[in-house]
Protein backbone atom coordinates (compact mmCIF):
# COMPACT_ATOMS: atom_id res chain seq x y z
CA MET A 1 -35.58 -0.28 17.99
CA LYS A 2 -32.13 -0.72 16.43
CA SER A 3 -31.50 -2.52 13.17
CA ALA A 4 -29.34 -5.63 12.98
CA TYR A 5 -26.69 -3.52 11.27
CA GLU A 6 -26.57 -1.00 14.13
CA LEU A 7 -26.34 -3.78 16.71
CA ALA A 8 -23.55 -5.48 14.79
CA MET A 9 -21.65 -2.19 14.53
CA GLU A 10 -21.98 -1.62 18.28
CA ARG A 11 -20.61 -5.12 18.99
CA LEU A 12 -17.75 -4.55 16.57
CA GLU A 13 -16.89 -1.23 18.24
CA LYS A 14 -16.81 -2.93 21.65
CA GLN A 15 -14.53 -5.72 20.38
CA SER A 16 -12.03 -3.43 18.69
CA PRO A 17 -12.65 0.26 19.14
CA SER A 18 -11.72 2.44 16.20
CA LEU A 19 -8.81 4.79 16.69
CA LYS A 20 -9.32 8.51 16.65
CA LEU A 21 -6.50 10.02 14.62
CA THR A 22 -5.22 13.51 15.11
CA GLU A 23 -4.90 15.91 12.19
CA ASP A 24 -1.11 15.47 12.33
CA GLN A 25 -1.45 11.70 12.07
CA ARG A 26 -3.84 12.05 9.14
CA SER A 27 -1.36 14.28 7.37
CA GLN A 28 1.47 11.79 8.09
CA LEU A 29 -0.65 8.99 6.62
CA ALA A 30 -1.42 11.07 3.53
CA GLU A 31 2.27 11.94 3.16
CA LEU A 32 3.24 8.26 3.39
CA ASP A 33 0.62 7.38 0.77
CA SER A 34 1.94 10.06 -1.54
CA LEU A 35 5.59 9.10 -1.02
CA TYR A 36 5.04 5.41 -1.63
CA LYS A 37 2.73 6.03 -4.56
CA SER A 38 5.54 8.00 -6.21
CA LYS A 39 8.12 5.31 -5.36
CA MET A 40 5.89 2.66 -6.96
CA ALA A 41 5.32 4.79 -10.05
CA GLU A 42 9.08 5.29 -10.38
CA LYS A 43 9.71 1.53 -10.21
CA GLN A 44 6.96 0.88 -12.74
CA LEU A 45 8.39 3.41 -15.18
CA LEU A 46 11.94 2.14 -14.89
CA LEU A 47 11.09 -1.52 -15.19
CA ALA A 48 8.44 -0.97 -17.87
CA GLU A 49 11.12 0.56 -20.09
CA GLU A 50 13.42 -2.42 -19.50
CA ILE A 51 10.55 -4.83 -20.18
CA ARG A 52 9.78 -3.09 -23.50
CA ARG A 53 13.45 -3.26 -24.47
CA GLU A 54 13.66 -6.97 -23.71
CA GLN A 55 10.39 -7.67 -25.52
CA ALA A 56 11.71 -5.89 -28.60
CA ALA A 57 14.84 -8.02 -28.42
CA GLY A 58 12.70 -11.16 -28.11
CA LYS A 59 14.12 -12.16 -24.73
CA LEU A 60 10.96 -13.59 -23.19
CA SER A 61 12.73 -15.17 -20.21
CA GLU A 62 14.18 -11.77 -19.29
CA VAL A 63 10.74 -10.19 -19.70
CA GLU A 64 9.30 -12.71 -17.26
CA LYS A 65 12.10 -12.09 -14.75
CA LEU A 66 11.57 -8.33 -14.97
CA GLN A 67 7.81 -8.71 -14.52
CA GLN A 68 8.41 -10.85 -11.43
CA GLN A 69 10.90 -8.29 -10.15
CA LEU A 70 8.36 -5.51 -10.67
CA ALA A 71 5.65 -7.44 -8.82
CA SER A 72 8.08 -8.18 -5.99
CA GLU A 73 9.20 -4.55 -5.71
CA LEU A 74 5.61 -3.27 -5.70
CA ARG A 75 4.63 -5.81 -3.03
CA ARG A 76 7.67 -4.85 -0.91
CA LEU A 77 6.89 -1.14 -1.19
CA THR A 78 3.22 -1.72 -0.33
CA GLU A 79 4.16 -3.75 2.75
CA GLU A 80 6.71 -1.14 3.81
CA CYS A 81 4.13 1.63 3.43
CA GLU A 82 1.49 -0.28 5.40
CA SER A 83 4.00 -1.01 8.15
CA LYS A 84 4.90 2.65 8.51
CA LYS A 85 1.24 3.66 8.42
CA GLU A 86 0.48 1.14 11.15
CA ASN A 87 3.23 2.68 13.29
CA VAL A 88 1.62 6.10 12.84
CA ARG A 89 -1.78 4.68 13.79
CA ARG A 90 -0.34 2.98 16.88
CA SER A 91 1.19 6.24 18.03
CA ALA A 92 -2.41 7.44 18.48
CA THR A 93 -2.84 5.32 21.59
């Protein structure tokens, strides 16, 4: 007799089957993760330095703008990465 969890997992698999990725696709996904992680780190380092400079100068409005810019850039890079990863996943079918 199957548990409720096993039955739910079977139903879920029927509704939207999981994709089987090739080794090449897995490596492409890992490469995208690595690339975008480094891009995000670069943005954080650059803008963090500017934020520190503006804080030292007492320009709080500039600090807020830079923090918003950083959040926006990180969100954009995350969305771009996920979009490219989704394209790799779709190429599996």
